[in-house]
Amino acid sequence: MRYPHHLTKVIDVLKRLPGVGNRSAERFAFQMLNWKEEHLREMATIVQDIPSKLKHCSDCGCLIGEESCPFCDEARRETGMVCVIASPRDAFAIEETREYKGLYHVLGGLLSPLEGFGPDKLKTHRLLHRIRTLHVREVVIALDSTLEGDATALFLKRELETTGIPISRLAFGLPMGSALDYVDGGTLARALSARSRF
């Protein structure tokens, strides 16, 4: 027995979310059938308003609402540092640490030839322009420790070497509270190579 046509459409839309497979989408769709009509309308309105209520800052690329960009506020940020990130979501994760006070620059993705994301899509000219106009003294590369992240970091390092500005990358290694016998070889090797003075 097939689901009614509109329910199938709801399931197909929900499957577009990352990590949501067919079973999860079906469970979510059936759960939504039990919602009050006002809650369904509220959700529909909120989703419909995403393009008008959420934007990307034209300078740094971070996600902002209808207010000015808090990530570019020169009164509250150290303008001598720029942290290069792949996604606007990364800025929120770094902000939660309360350790970084500089500016951000969102690349919009990582180098991935299979997905058609090449060097031209990184728009490094925008990053170089910001570095020069803001008189940046350090660039921090905060990208994933994956094949794509490492390739992007190496590409950026080569592109930014002409500026003569120090370039650093987030340290990778042992997670807090971990025991050595549970850590994989790659992570342990990274931790050894990125060791610091004690």
Protein backbone atom coordinates (compact mmCIF):
# COMPACT_ATOMS: atom_id res chain seq x y z
CA MET A 1 0.00 0.00 0.00
CA ARG A 2 1.42 3.36 -1.03
CA TYR A 3 1.29 6.51 1.08
CA PRO A 4 -1.04 9.31 -0.09
CA HIS A 5 0.65 11.50 -2.70
CA HIS A 6 1.08 14.58 -0.48
CA LEU A 7 2.57 12.55 2.38
CA THR A 8 5.12 11.15 -0.08
CA LYS A 9 5.97 14.74 -1.07
CA VAL A 10 6.47 15.68 2.62
CA ILE A 11 8.77 12.67 3.10
CA ASP A 12 10.78 13.57 -0.01
CA VAL A 13 11.26 17.15 1.22
CA LEU A 14 12.38 15.98 4.68
CA LYS A 15 14.91 13.59 3.09
CA ARG A 16 16.77 16.62 1.73
CA LEU A 17 17.96 17.38 5.27
CA PRO A 18 21.46 16.04 6.03
CA GLY A 19 21.49 12.74 7.88
CA VAL A 20 17.77 12.13 7.29
CA GLY A 21 17.10 8.90 5.46
CA ASN A 22 13.81 7.38 4.34
CA ARG A 23 12.88 5.91 7.75
CA SER A 24 13.62 9.14 9.66
CA ALA A 25 11.74 11.22 7.09
CA GLU A 26 8.70 8.91 7.39
CA ARG A 27 8.81 9.15 11.19
CA PHE A 28 9.01 12.97 11.06
CA ALA A 29 6.19 13.18 8.51
CA PHE A 30 3.86 10.98 10.57
CA GLN A 31 4.73 13.02 13.67
CA MET A 32 3.79 16.21 11.84
CA LEU A 33 0.39 14.71 11.01
CA ASN A 34 -0.36 14.91 14.75
CA TRP A 35 0.57 18.61 15.02
CA LYS A 36 -2.10 21.25 15.38
CA GLU A 37 -2.82 23.17 12.21
CA GLU A 38 -1.48 26.40 13.78
CA HIS A 39 1.89 24.72 14.45
CA LEU A 40 2.11 23.48 10.86
CA ARG A 41 1.31 26.98 9.58
CA GLU A 42 3.90 28.48 11.93
CA MET A 43 6.55 26.08 10.63
CA ALA A 44 5.59 26.80 7.03
CA THR A 45 5.86 30.56 7.62
CA ILE A 46 9.23 30.29 9.39
CA VAL A 47 10.69 28.14 6.59
CA GLN A 48 9.22 30.43 3.93
CA ASP A 49 10.81 33.50 5.62
CA ILE A 50 14.36 32.06 5.59
CA PRO A 51 15.47 33.91 2.39
CA SER A 52 14.23 37.29 3.64
CA LYS A 53 15.12 36.99 7.34
CA LEU A 54 18.56 35.33 7.12
CA LYS A 55 21.41 36.69 5.00
CA HIS A 56 25.15 36.30 4.59
CA CYS A 57 27.28 39.30 5.54
CA SER A 58 28.67 40.88 2.36
CA ASP A 59 32.07 41.36 4.05
CA CYS A 60 32.79 38.20 6.05
CA GLY A 61 30.15 35.78 4.75
CA CYS A 62 28.84 34.90 8.23
CA LEU A 63 25.13 34.36 8.80
CA ILE A 64 23.20 37.37 10.06
CA GLY A 65 19.60 38.36 10.66
CA GLU A 66 18.15 41.74 9.88
CA GLU A 67 20.65 43.53 12.15
CA SER A 68 24.22 44.55 11.31
CA CYS A 69 26.90 41.84 11.38
CA PRO A 70 28.17 41.18 14.94
CA PHE A 71 31.18 39.32 13.49
CA CYS A 72 32.41 42.49 11.74
CA ASP A 73 31.81 44.92 14.63
CA GLU A 74 35.20 46.68 14.86
CA ALA A 75 34.36 48.04 18.30
CA ARG A 76 34.12 44.50 19.72
CA ARG A 77 36.53 42.53 17.50
CA GLU A 78 40.30 42.41 17.10
CA THR A 79 40.69 43.45 13.46
CA GLY A 80 44.31 42.28 13.28
CA MET A 81 43.24 38.61 13.06
CA VAL A 82 41.12 36.81 10.48
CA CYS A 83 39.92 33.25 11.02
CA VAL A 84 39.22 31.46 7.73
CA ILE A 85 36.32 29.01 7.99
CA ALA A 86 34.42 26.85 5.50
CA SER A 87 30.86 27.50 6.68
CA PRO A 88 28.99 30.22 8.60
CA ARG A 89 28.09 27.55 11.15
CA ASP A 90 31.79 27.25 12.09
CA ALA A 91 31.82 30.85 13.39
CA PHE A 92 29.15 30.02 15.97
CA ALA A 93 31.08 26.93 17.12
CA ILE A 94 34.30 28.97 17.55
CA GLU A 95 32.44 31.79 19.32
CA GLU A 96 31.14 29.31 21.92
CA THR A 97 34.73 28.70 23.07
CA ARG A 98 35.10 32.41 23.99
CA GLU A 99 38.78 32.08 23.03
CA TYR A 100 38.78 33.92 19.71
CA LYS A 101 38.02 37.65 19.38
CA GLY A 102 39.11 38.37 15.81
CA LEU A 103 37.28 38.59 12.50
CA TYR A 104 36.05 35.74 10.29
CA HIS A 105 36.12 34.97 6.60
CA VAL A 106 33.78 32.29 5.22
CA LEU A 107 35.00 30.38 2.17
CA GLY A 108 31.62 28.80 1.47
CA GLY A 109 33.04 25.30 1.08
CA LEU A 110 36.15 23.17 0.75
CA LEU A 111 38.06 22.16 -2.37
CA SER A 112 36.31 19.13 -3.80
CA PRO A 113 36.75 18.36 -7.51
CA LEU A 114 34.11 15.60 -7.33
CA GLU A 115 31.49 18.12 -6.19
CA GLY A 116 32.64 20.76 -8.67
CA PHE A 117 34.05 23.03 -5.95
CA GLY A 118 37.36 24.27 -7.36
CA PRO A 119 39.81 27.07 -6.40
CA ASP A 120 37.75 29.65 -8.33
CA LYS A 121 34.83 29.14 -5.91
CA LEU A 122 36.98 29.94 -2.85
CA LYS A 123 37.17 33.61 -3.92
CA THR A 124 40.59 34.11 -2.36
CA HIS A 125 40.77 37.58 -3.96
CA ARG A 126 38.11 38.74 -1.45
CA LEU A 127 40.17 37.35 1.42
CA LEU A 128 43.36 39.02 0.13
CA HIS A 129 41.50 42.32 -0.24
CA ARG A 130 40.25 42.15 3.37
CA ILE A 131 43.73 41.26 4.65
CA ARG A 132 45.20 44.34 2.94
CA THR A 133 42.46 46.84 3.82
CA LEU A 134 42.13 45.71 7.45
CA HIS A 135 45.92 45.53 8.00
CA VAL A 136 45.62 41.95 9.26
CA ARG A 137 48.60 40.65 11.26
CA GLU A 138 47.65 36.95 11.46
CA VAL A 139 45.48 34.53 9.49
CA VAL A 140 44.10 31.50 11.34
CA ILE A 141 42.96 28.63 9.12
CA ALA A 142 40.18 26.73 10.90
CA LEU A 143 39.14 24.01 8.46
CA ASP A 144 38.13 20.39 8.94
CA SER A 145 40.84 17.77 9.34
CA THR A 146 39.72 15.90 6.23
CA LEU A 147 41.24 15.35 2.80
CA GLU A 148 39.25 18.33 1.46
CA GLY A 149 40.09 20.49 4.48
CA ASP A 150 43.81 19.71 4.27
CA ALA A 151 43.87 20.39 0.50
CA THR A 152 42.07 23.71 1.01
CA ALA A 153 44.41 24.71 3.86
CA LEU A 154 47.50 23.98 1.72
CA PHE A 155 46.01 25.91 -1.20
CA LEU A 156 45.27 28.91 1.04
CA LYS A 157 48.75 28.78 2.55
CA ARG A 158 50.29 29.03 -0.92
CA GLU A 159 47.94 31.85 -1.93
CA LEU A 160 48.56 33.86 1.26
CA GLU A 161 52.33 33.40 1.47
CA THR A 162 52.79 36.46 -0.77
CA THR A 163 51.34 38.67 1.99
CA GLY A 164 54.16 37.82 4.40
CA ILE A 165 51.61 37.57 7.22
CA PRO A 166 51.94 34.69 9.72
CA ILE A 167 49.51 31.89 8.90
CA SER A 168 48.47 29.41 11.59
CA ARG A 169 46.14 26.43 11.60
CA LEU A 170 44.11 24.97 14.43
CA ALA A 171 45.95 22.22 16.28
CA PHE A 172 44.64 18.71 15.82
CA GLY A 173 45.17 15.81 18.16
CA LEU A 174 43.84 14.16 21.26
CA PRO A 175 40.33 14.98 22.41
CA MET A 176 39.92 16.13 26.01
CA GLY A 177 39.56 13.25 28.46
CA SER A 178 40.71 10.57 26.03
CA ALA A 179 42.93 7.58 26.82
CA LEU A 180 45.81 6.83 24.43
CA ASP A 181 44.80 3.22 23.91
CA TYR A 182 41.44 4.35 22.44
CA VAL A 183 42.92 6.91 20.02
CA ASP A 184 43.43 5.92 16.37
CA GLY A 185 46.89 6.07 14.79
CA GLY A 186 46.17 9.06 12.55
CA THR A 187 44.94 11.20 15.44
CA LEU A 188 47.90 10.18 17.59
CA ALA A 189 50.32 11.02 14.77
CA ARG A 190 48.70 14.47 14.40
CA ALA A 191 48.95 15.04 18.15
CA LEU A 192 52.66 14.17 18.14
CA SER A 193 53.48 16.43 15.19
CA ALA A 194 51.47 19.35 16.67
CA ARG A 195 52.88 18.96 20.17
CA SER A 196 53.63 22.13 22.14
CA ARG A 197 56.04 23.00 24.94
CA PHE A 198 54.89 22.02 28.46
